[in-house]
Amino acid sequence: MTIAKSLGISVALGAAVSLSALPASAGHCVRAGASATAITKDVATVLAKETLYQSNMMAGRSARGPASVSCQYLGVVTKCTARQVACK
């Protein structure tokens, strides 16, 4: 083999290895969030998750993994915030 041929093969192999190191879904990902307020914690949780789902669908994103929900009691009502990683 000539030096030029060897160099060409090594460059091609290097490019193939570097491309295979990229993740399968190299799309744009965000940590999406939504909140809801209701009288009970259960209702606020369901509404926050549904709002997050609708937000992701309208933005053309698909969810990755489960949504995490945190709630805070505010006297008479409960406010819940749902967060989830979503990618295009």
PDB file of N, CA and C in Angstrom:
ATOM      1  N   MET A   1       0.827  -1.181   0.000  1.00  0.00           N
ATOM      2  CA  MET A   1       0.000   0.000   0.000  1.00  0.00           C
ATOM      3  C   MET A   1       0.875   1.250   0.000  1.00  0.00           C
ATOM      4  N   THR A   2       0.393   2.226  -0.683  1.00  0.00           N
ATOM      5  CA  THR A   2       1.133   3.481  -0.685  1.00  0.00           C
ATOM      6  C   THR A   2       0.764   4.289   0.552  1.00  0.00           C
ATOM      7  N   ILE A   3       1.572   5.283   0.832  1.00  0.00           N
ATOM      8  CA  ILE A   3       1.332   6.122   2.007  1.00  0.00           C
ATOM      9  C   ILE A   3       0.011   6.883   1.860  1.00  0.00           C
ATOM     10  N   ALA A   4      -0.285   7.359   0.671  1.00  0.00           N
ATOM     11  CA  ALA A   4      -1.526   8.107   0.445  1.00  0.00           C
ATOM     12  C   ALA A   4      -2.743   7.219   0.674  1.00  0.00           C
ATOM     13  N   LYS A   5      -2.675   5.967   0.237  1.00  0.00           N
ATOM     14  CA  LYS A   5      -3.783   5.042   0.414  1.00  0.00           C
ATOM     15  C   LYS A   5      -3.974   4.734   1.907  1.00  0.00           C
ATOM     16  N   SER A   6      -2.867   4.508   2.620  1.00  0.00           N
ATOM     17  CA  SER A   6      -2.932   4.227   4.053  1.00  0.00           C
ATOM     18  C   SER A   6      -3.500   5.414   4.808  1.00  0.00           C
ATOM     19  N   LEU A   7      -3.075   6.608   4.422  1.00  0.00           N
ATOM     20  CA  LEU A   7      -3.572   7.820   5.066  1.00  0.00           C
ATOM     21  C   LEU A   7      -5.067   7.984   4.816  1.00  0.00           C
ATOM     22  N   GLY A   8      -5.504   7.720   3.595  1.00  0.00           N
ATOM     23  CA  GLY A   8      -6.934   7.816   3.267  1.00  0.00           C
ATOM     24  C   GLY A   8      -7.770   6.834   4.066  1.00  0.00           C
ATOM     25  N   ILE A   9      -7.292   5.616   4.244  1.00  0.00           N
ATOM     26  CA  ILE A   9      -8.022   4.604   5.016  1.00  0.00           C
ATOM     27  C   ILE A   9      -8.085   5.000   6.485  1.00  0.00           C
ATOM     28  N   SER A  10      -7.001   5.511   7.031  1.00  0.00           N
ATOM     29  CA  SER A  10      -7.009   5.883   8.449  1.00  0.00           C
ATOM     30  C   SER A  10      -7.911   7.085   8.701  1.00  0.00           C
ATOM     31  N   VAL A  11      -7.967   8.022   7.762  1.00  0.00           N
ATOM     32  CA  VAL A  11      -8.874   9.168   7.910  1.00  0.00           C
ATOM     33  C   VAL A  11     -10.320   8.701   7.854  1.00  0.00           C
ATOM     34  N   ALA A  12     -10.634   7.788   6.936  1.00  0.00           N
ATOM     35  CA  ALA A  12     -12.002   7.268   6.820  1.00  0.00           C
ATOM     36  C   ALA A  12     -12.405   6.513   8.085  1.00  0.00           C
ATOM     37  N   LEU A  13     -11.504   5.713   8.624  1.00  0.00           N
ATOM     38  CA  LEU A  13     -11.808   4.986   9.861  1.00  0.00           C
ATOM     39  C   LEU A  13     -11.977   5.947  11.024  1.00  0.00           C
ATOM     40  N   GLY A  14     -11.157   6.969  11.095  1.00  0.00           N
ATOM     41  CA  GLY A  14     -11.281   7.961  12.161  1.00  0.00           C
ATOM     42  C   GLY A  14     -12.609   8.684  12.104  1.00  0.00           C
ATOM     43  N   ALA A  15     -13.063   9.025  10.908  1.00  0.00           N
ATOM     44  CA  ALA A  15     -14.358   9.687  10.751  1.00  0.00           C
ATOM     45  C   ALA A  15     -15.495   8.762  11.156  1.00  0.00           C
ATOM     46  N   ALA A  16     -15.400   7.488  10.787  1.00  0.00           N
ATOM     47  CA  ALA A  16     -16.457   6.532  11.152  1.00  0.00           C
ATOM     48  C   ALA A  16     -16.519   6.349  12.658  1.00  0.00           C
ATOM     49  N   VAL A  17     -15.383   6.284  13.316  1.00  0.00           N
ATOM     50  CA  VAL A  17     -15.365   6.119  14.769  1.00  0.00           C
ATOM     51  C   VAL A  17     -15.925   7.349  15.453  1.00  0.00           C
ATOM     52  N   SER A  18     -15.583   8.550  14.976  1.00  0.00           N
ATOM     53  CA  SER A  18     -16.081   9.761  15.623  1.00  0.00           C
ATOM     54  C   SER A  18     -17.581   9.922  15.407  1.00  0.00           C
ATOM     55  N   LEU A  19     -18.102   9.520  14.247  1.00  0.00           N
ATOM     56  CA  LEU A  19     -19.540   9.603  14.020  1.00  0.00           C
ATOM     57  C   LEU A  19     -20.306   8.584  14.850  1.00  0.00           C
ATOM     58  N   SER A  20     -19.715   7.431  15.106  1.00  0.00           N
ATOM     59  CA  SER A  20     -20.415   6.432  15.901  1.00  0.00           C
ATOM     60  C   SER A  20     -20.450   6.809  17.372  1.00  0.00           C
ATOM     61  N   ALA A  21     -19.650   7.777  17.798  1.00  0.00           N
ATOM     62  CA  ALA A  21     -19.642   8.211  19.192  1.00  0.00           C
ATOM     63  C   ALA A  21     -20.790   9.163  19.492  1.00  0.00           C
ATOM     64  N   LEU A  22     -21.442   9.697  18.456  1.00  0.00           N
ATOM     65  CA  LEU A  22     -22.569  10.594  18.677  1.00  0.00           C
ATOM     66  C   LEU A  22     -23.762   9.808  19.205  1.00  0.00           C
ATOM     67  N   PRO A  23     -24.568  10.403  20.081  1.00  0.00           N
ATOM     68  CA  PRO A  23     -25.759   9.708  20.556  1.00  0.00           C
ATOM     69  C   PRO A  23     -26.754   9.485  19.425  1.00  0.00           C
ATOM     70  N   ALA A  24     -27.582   8.466  19.589  1.00  0.00           N
ATOM     71  CA  ALA A  24     -28.547   8.122  18.545  1.00  0.00           C
ATOM     72  C   ALA A  24     -29.540   9.251  18.306  1.00  0.00           C
ATOM     73  N   SER A  25     -29.994   9.888  19.362  1.00  0.00           N
ATOM     74  CA  SER A  25     -30.929  11.000  19.219  1.00  0.00           C
ATOM     75  C   SER A  25     -30.193  12.285  19.584  1.00  0.00           C
ATOM     76  N   ALA A  26     -29.540  12.876  18.619  1.00  0.00           N
ATOM     77  CA  ALA A  26     -28.766  14.081  18.870  1.00  0.00           C
ATOM     78  C   ALA A  26     -29.633  15.320  18.692  1.00  0.00           C
ATOM     79  N   GLY A  27     -30.940  15.204  18.947  1.00  0.00           N
ATOM     80  CA  GLY A  27     -31.853  16.326  18.810  1.00  0.00           C
ATOM     81  C   GLY A  27     -31.724  17.300  19.959  1.00  0.00           C
ATOM     82  N   HIS A  28     -32.453  18.383  19.852  1.00  0.00           N
ATOM     83  CA  HIS A  28     -32.431  19.426  20.869  1.00  0.00           C
ATOM     84  C   HIS A  28     -33.311  19.014  22.046  1.00  0.00           C
ATOM     85  N   CYS A  29     -32.734  18.915  23.225  1.00  0.00           N
ATOM     86  CA  CYS A  29     -33.491  18.518  24.419  1.00  0.00           C
ATOM     87  C   CYS A  29     -33.596  19.676  25.403  1.00  0.00           C
ATOM     88  N   VAL A  30     -34.710  19.741  26.092  1.00  0.00           N
ATOM     89  CA  VAL A  30     -34.945  20.754  27.122  1.00  0.00           C
ATOM     90  C   VAL A  30     -35.527  20.089  28.352  1.00  0.00           C
ATOM     91  N   ARG A  31     -35.454  20.782  29.475  1.00  0.00           N
ATOM     92  CA  ARG A  31     -36.130  20.324  30.687  1.00  0.00           C
ATOM     93  C   ARG A  31     -37.404  21.156  30.785  1.00  0.00           C
ATOM     94  N   ALA A  32     -38.484  20.570  30.300  1.00  0.00           N
ATOM     95  CA  ALA A  32     -39.769  21.262  30.239  1.00  0.00           C
ATOM     96  C   ALA A  32     -40.448  21.234  31.606  1.00  0.00           C
ATOM     97  N   GLY A  33     -41.284  22.224  31.864  1.00  0.00           N
ATOM     98  CA  GLY A  33     -41.993  22.278  33.131  1.00  0.00           C
ATOM     99  C   GLY A  33     -43.356  22.914  32.969  1.00  0.00           C
ATOM    100  N   ALA A  34     -44.253  22.552  33.864  1.00  0.00           N
ATOM    101  CA  ALA A  34     -45.603  23.116  33.880  1.00  0.00           C
ATOM    102  C   ALA A  34     -46.116  23.066  35.304  1.00  0.00           C
ATOM    103  N   SER A  35     -47.002  23.992  35.644  1.00  0.00           N
ATOM    104  CA  SER A  35     -47.551  24.003  37.001  1.00  0.00           C
ATOM    105  C   SER A  35     -49.063  24.147  36.957  1.00  0.00           C
ATOM    106  N   ALA A  36     -49.685  23.743  38.056  1.00  0.00           N
ATOM    107  CA  ALA A  36     -51.140  23.842  38.184  1.00  0.00           C
ATOM    108  C   ALA A  36     -51.486  24.046  39.652  1.00  0.00           C
ATOM    109  N   THR A  37     -52.587  24.720  39.892  1.00  0.00           N
ATOM    110  CA  THR A  37     -53.057  24.983  41.249  1.00  0.00           C
ATOM    111  C   THR A  37     -54.474  24.445  41.375  1.00  0.00           C
ATOM    112  N   ALA A  38     -54.735  23.722  42.477  1.00  0.00           N
ATOM    113  CA  ALA A  38     -56.068  23.153  42.712  1.00  0.00           C
ATOM    114  C   ALA A  38     -56.295  23.023  44.220  1.00  0.00           C
ATOM    115  N   ILE A  39     -57.506  22.638  44.584  1.00  0.00           N
ATOM    116  CA  ILE A  39     -57.858  22.483  45.998  1.00  0.00           C
ATOM    117  C   ILE A  39     -57.108  21.321  46.629  1.00  0.00           C
ATOM    118  N   THR A  40     -57.015  20.186  45.925  1.00  0.00           N
ATOM    119  CA  THR A  40     -56.332  19.020  46.495  1.00  0.00           C
ATOM    120  C   THR A  40     -55.022  18.749  45.755  1.00  0.00           C
ATOM    121  N   LYS A  41     -54.128  18.042  46.433  1.00  0.00           N
ATOM    122  CA  LYS A  41     -52.835  17.695  45.847  1.00  0.00           C
ATOM    123  C   LYS A  41     -53.007  16.753  44.655  1.00  0.00           C
ATOM    124  N   ASP A  42     -53.919  15.804  44.758  1.00  0.00           N
ATOM    125  CA  ASP A  42     -54.145  14.844  43.673  1.00  0.00           C
ATOM    126  C   ASP A  42     -54.583  15.535  42.385  1.00  0.00           C
ATOM    127  N   VAL A  43     -55.521  16.455  42.503  1.00  0.00           N
ATOM    128  CA  VAL A  43     -56.020  17.165  41.317  1.00  0.00           C
ATOM    129  C   VAL A  43     -54.923  18.052  40.737  1.00  0.00           C
ATOM    130  N   ALA A  44     -54.181  18.741  41.587  1.00  0.00           N
ATOM    131  CA  ALA A  44     -53.104  19.610  41.111  1.00  0.00           C
ATOM    132  C   ALA A  44     -52.018  18.799  40.408  1.00  0.00           C
ATOM    133  N   THR A  45     -51.716  17.599  40.915  1.00  0.00           N
ATOM    134  CA  THR A  45     -50.713  16.734  40.281  1.00  0.00           C
ATOM    135  C   THR A  45     -51.164  16.304  38.901  1.00  0.00           C
ATOM    136  N   VAL A  46     -52.395  15.859  38.771  1.00  0.00           N
ATOM    137  CA  VAL A  46     -52.925  15.422  37.476  1.00  0.00           C
ATOM    138  C   VAL A  46     -52.942  16.584  36.488  1.00  0.00           C
ATOM    139  N   LEU A  47     -53.357  17.754  36.930  1.00  0.00           N
ATOM    140  CA  LEU A  47     -53.419  18.911  36.039  1.00  0.00           C
ATOM    141  C   LEU A  47     -52.021  19.356  35.602  1.00  0.00           C
ATOM    142  N   ALA A  48     -51.052  19.314  36.495  1.00  0.00           N
ATOM    143  CA  ALA A  48     -49.679  19.697  36.142  1.00  0.00           C
ATOM    144  C   ALA A  48     -49.096  18.733  35.113  1.00  0.00           C
ATOM    145  N   LYS A  49     -49.312  17.430  35.312  1.00  0.00           N
ATOM    146  CA  LYS A  49     -48.808  16.439  34.357  1.00  0.00           C
ATOM    147  C   LYS A  49     -49.478  16.595  32.996  1.00  0.00           C
ATOM    148  N   GLU A  50     -50.778  16.846  32.982  1.00  0.00           N
ATOM    149  CA  GLU A  50     -51.500  17.018  31.723  1.00  0.00           C
ATOM    150  C   GLU A  50     -51.044  18.294  31.009  1.00  0.00           C
ATOM    151  N   THR A  51     -50.815  19.363  31.750  1.00  0.00           N
ATOM    152  CA  THR A  51     -50.334  20.607  31.158  1.00  0.00           C
ATOM    153  C   THR A  51     -48.947  20.412  30.555  1.00  0.00           C
ATOM    154  N   LEU A  52     -48.084  19.666  31.248  1.00  0.00           N
ATOM    155  CA  LEU A  52     -46.752  19.355  30.727  1.00  0.00           C
ATOM    156  C   LEU A  52     -46.849  18.542  29.441  1.00  0.00           C
ATOM    157  N   TYR A  53     -47.719  17.543  29.434  1.00  0.00           N
ATOM    158  CA  TYR A  53     -47.927  16.719  28.248  1.00  0.00           C
ATOM    159  C   TYR A  53     -48.387  17.574  27.062  1.00  0.00           C
ATOM    160  N   GLN A  54     -49.368  18.444  27.288  1.00  0.00           N
ATOM    161  CA  GLN A  54     -49.890  19.301  26.227  1.00  0.00           C
ATOM    162  C   GLN A  54     -48.816  20.262  25.717  1.00  0.00           C
ATOM    163  N   SER A  55     -48.015  20.790  26.626  1.00  0.00           N
ATOM    164  CA  SER A  55     -46.936  21.701  26.241  1.00  0.00           C
ATOM    165  C   SER A  55     -45.919  21.003  25.344  1.00  0.00           C
ATOM    166  N   ASN A  56     -45.545  19.794  25.716  1.00  0.00           N
ATOM    167  CA  ASN A  56     -44.592  19.027  24.902  1.00  0.00           C
ATOM    168  C   ASN A  56     -45.177  18.703  23.532  1.00  0.00           C
ATOM    169  N   MET A  57     -46.433  18.317  23.483  1.00  0.00           N
ATOM    170  CA  MET A  57     -47.067  17.967  22.207  1.00  0.00           C
ATOM    171  C   MET A  57     -47.158  19.193  21.291  1.00  0.00           C
ATOM    172  N   MET A  58     -47.537  20.335  21.830  1.00  0.00           N
ATOM    173  CA  MET A  58     -47.669  21.551  21.020  1.00  0.00           C
ATOM    174  C   MET A  58     -46.311  22.031  20.506  1.00  0.00           C
ATOM    175  N   ALA A  59     -45.243  21.755  21.239  1.00  0.00           N
ATOM    176  CA  ALA A  59     -43.899  22.169  20.830  1.00  0.00           C
ATOM    177  C   ALA A  59     -43.235  21.126  19.935  1.00  0.00           C
ATOM    178  N   GLY A  60     -43.888  19.978  19.730  1.00  0.00           N
ATOM    179  CA  GLY A  60     -43.330  18.932  18.887  1.00  0.00           C
ATOM    180  C   GLY A  60     -42.217  18.146  19.554  1.00  0.00           C
ATOM    181  N   ARG A  61     -42.254  18.074  20.884  1.00  0.00           N
ATOM    182  CA  ARG A  61     -41.228  17.337  21.628  1.00  0.00           C
ATOM    183  C   ARG A  61     -41.799  16.011  22.112  1.00  0.00           C
ATOM    184  N   SER A  62     -40.899  15.042  22.311  1.00  0.00           N
ATOM    185  CA  SER A  62     -41.319  13.772  22.900  1.00  0.00           C
ATOM    186  C   SER A  62     -40.617  13.613  24.242  1.00  0.00           C
ATOM    187  N   ALA A  63     -41.344  13.106  25.216  1.00  0.00           N
ATOM    188  CA  ALA A  63     -40.836  12.991  26.581  1.00  0.00           C
ATOM    189  C   ALA A  63     -39.796  11.893  26.687  1.00  0.00           C
ATOM    190  N   ARG A  64     -38.824  12.112  27.546  1.00  0.00           N
ATOM    191  CA  ARG A  64     -37.781  11.128  27.854  1.00  0.00           C
ATOM    192  C   ARG A  64     -37.837  10.848  29.350  1.00  0.00           C
ATOM    193  N   GLY A  65     -38.319   9.687  29.708  1.00  0.00           N
ATOM    194  CA  GLY A  65     -38.383   9.312  31.123  1.00  0.00           C
ATOM    195  C   GLY A  65     -39.630   9.850  31.808  1.00  0.00           C
ATOM    196  N   PRO A  66     -39.769   9.509  33.087  1.00  0.00           N
ATOM    197  CA  PRO A  66     -40.967   9.932  33.827  1.00  0.00           C
ATOM    198  C   PRO A  66     -40.876  11.396  34.261  1.00  0.00           C
ATOM    199  N   ALA A  67     -42.031  11.984  34.504  1.00  0.00           N
ATOM    200  CA  ALA A  67     -42.088  13.362  34.986  1.00  0.00           C
ATOM    201  C   ALA A  67     -41.905  13.380  36.499  1.00  0.00           C
ATOM    202  N   SER A  68     -41.156  14.356  36.994  1.00  0.00           N
ATOM    203  CA  SER A  68     -41.033  14.532  38.444  1.00  0.00           C
ATOM    204  C   SER A  68     -41.985  15.650  38.859  1.00  0.00           C
ATOM    205  N   VAL A  69     -42.684  15.443  39.951  1.00  0.00           N
ATOM    206  CA  VAL A  69     -43.684  16.398  40.412  1.00  0.00           C
ATOM    207  C   VAL A  69     -43.354  16.822  41.837  1.00  0.00           C
ATOM    208  N   SER A  70     -43.368  18.130  42.066  1.00  0.00           N
ATOM    209  CA  SER A  70     -43.203  18.658  43.427  1.00  0.00           C
ATOM    210  C   SER A  70     -44.401  19.550  43.726  1.00  0.00           C
ATOM    211  N   CYS A  71     -44.910  19.432  44.941  1.00  0.00           N
ATOM    212  CA  CYS A  71     -46.104  20.187  45.320  1.00  0.00           C
ATOM    213  C   CYS A  71     -45.833  21.027  46.565  1.00  0.00           C
ATOM    214  N   GLN A  72     -46.560  22.138  46.651  1.00  0.00           N
ATOM    215  CA  GLN A  72     -46.430  23.042  47.785  1.00  0.00           C
ATOM    216  C   GLN A  72     -47.828  23.476  48.222  1.00  0.00           C
ATOM    217  N   TYR A  73     -48.103  23.312  49.508  1.00  0.00           N
ATOM    218  CA  TYR A  73     -49.399  23.711  50.052  1.00  0.00           C
ATOM    219  C   TYR A  73     -49.366  25.206  50.316  1.00  0.00           C
ATOM    220  N   LEU A  74     -50.336  25.952  49.763  1.00  0.00           N
ATOM    221  CA  LEU A  74     -50.374  27.407  49.890  1.00  0.00           C
ATOM    222  C   LEU A  74     -51.609  27.870  50.652  1.00  0.00           C
ATOM    223  N   GLY A  75     -51.822  27.363  51.824  1.00  0.00           N
ATOM    224  CA  GLY A  75     -52.978  27.758  52.623  1.00  0.00           C
ATOM    225  C   GLY A  75     -54.213  26.983  52.240  1.00  0.00           C
ATOM    226  N   VAL A  76     -54.992  27.489  51.301  1.00  0.00           N
ATOM    227  CA  VAL A  76     -56.225  26.840  50.891  1.00  0.00           C
ATOM    228  C   VAL A  76     -56.012  25.922  49.690  1.00  0.00           C
ATOM    229  N   VAL A  77     -55.059  26.239  48.840  1.00  0.00           N
ATOM    230  CA  VAL A  77     -54.828  25.485  47.610  1.00  0.00           C
ATOM    231  C   VAL A  77     -53.441  24.842  47.611  1.00  0.00           C
ATOM    232  N   THR A  78     -53.249  23.930  46.659  1.00  0.00           N
ATOM    233  CA  THR A  78     -51.954  23.278  46.474  1.00  0.00           C
ATOM    234  C   THR A  78     -51.462  23.581  45.070  1.00  0.00           C
ATOM    235  N   LYS A  79     -50.179  23.967  44.958  1.00  0.00           N
ATOM    236  CA  LYS A  79     -49.567  24.241  43.661  1.00  0.00           C
ATOM    237  C   LYS A  79     -48.554  23.142  43.387  1.00  0.00           C
ATOM    238  N   CYS A  80     -48.696  22.466  42.241  1.00  0.00           N
ATOM    239  CA  CYS A  80     -47.772  21.405  41.847  1.00  0.00           C
ATOM    240  C   CYS A  80     -47.059  21.807  40.560  1.00  0.00           C
ATOM    241  N   THR A  81     -45.773  21.434  40.495  1.00  0.00           N
ATOM    242  CA  THR A  81     -44.963  21.694  39.311  1.00  0.00           C
ATOM    243  C   THR A  81     -44.433  20.368  38.805  1.00  0.00           C
ATOM    244  N   ALA A  82     -44.660  20.091  37.528  1.00  0.00           N
ATOM    245  CA  ALA A  82     -44.162  18.871  36.883  1.00  0.00           C
ATOM    246  C   ALA A  82     -43.012  19.246  35.959  1.00  0.00           C
ATOM    247  N   ARG A  83     -41.944  18.454  35.997  1.00  0.00           N
ATOM    248  CA  ARG A  83     -40.775  18.688  35.145  1.00  0.00           C
ATOM    249  C   ARG A  83     -40.368  17.382  34.473  1.00  0.00           C
ATOM    250  N   GLN A  84     -39.864  17.517  33.230  1.00  0.00           N
ATOM    251  CA  GLN A  84     -39.505  16.335  32.460  1.00  0.00           C
ATOM    252  C   GLN A  84     -38.586  16.720  31.309  1.00  0.00           C
ATOM    253  N   VAL A  85     -37.628  15.866  30.992  1.00  0.00           N
ATOM    254  CA  VAL A  85     -36.761  16.101  29.838  1.00  0.00           C
ATOM    255  C   VAL A  85     -37.540  15.707  28.582  1.00  0.00           C
ATOM    256  N   ALA A  86     -37.520  16.603  27.591  1.00  0.00           N
ATOM    257  CA  ALA A  86     -38.223  16.337  26.329  1.00  0.00           C
ATOM    258  C   ALA A  86     -37.326  16.769  25.174  1.00  0.00           C
ATOM    259  N   CYS A  87     -37.337  15.986  24.097  1.00  0.00           N
ATOM    260  CA  CYS A  87     -36.463  16.239  22.947  1.00  0.00           C
ATOM    261  C   CYS A  87     -37.273  16.334  21.659  1.00  0.00           C
ATOM    262  N   LYS A  88     -36.738  17.091  20.712  1.00  0.00           N
ATOM    263  CA  LYS A  88     -37.352  17.194  19.378  1.00  0.00           C
ATOM    264  C   LYS A  88     -36.785  16.126  18.499  1.00  0.00           C
TER     265      LYS A  88
END
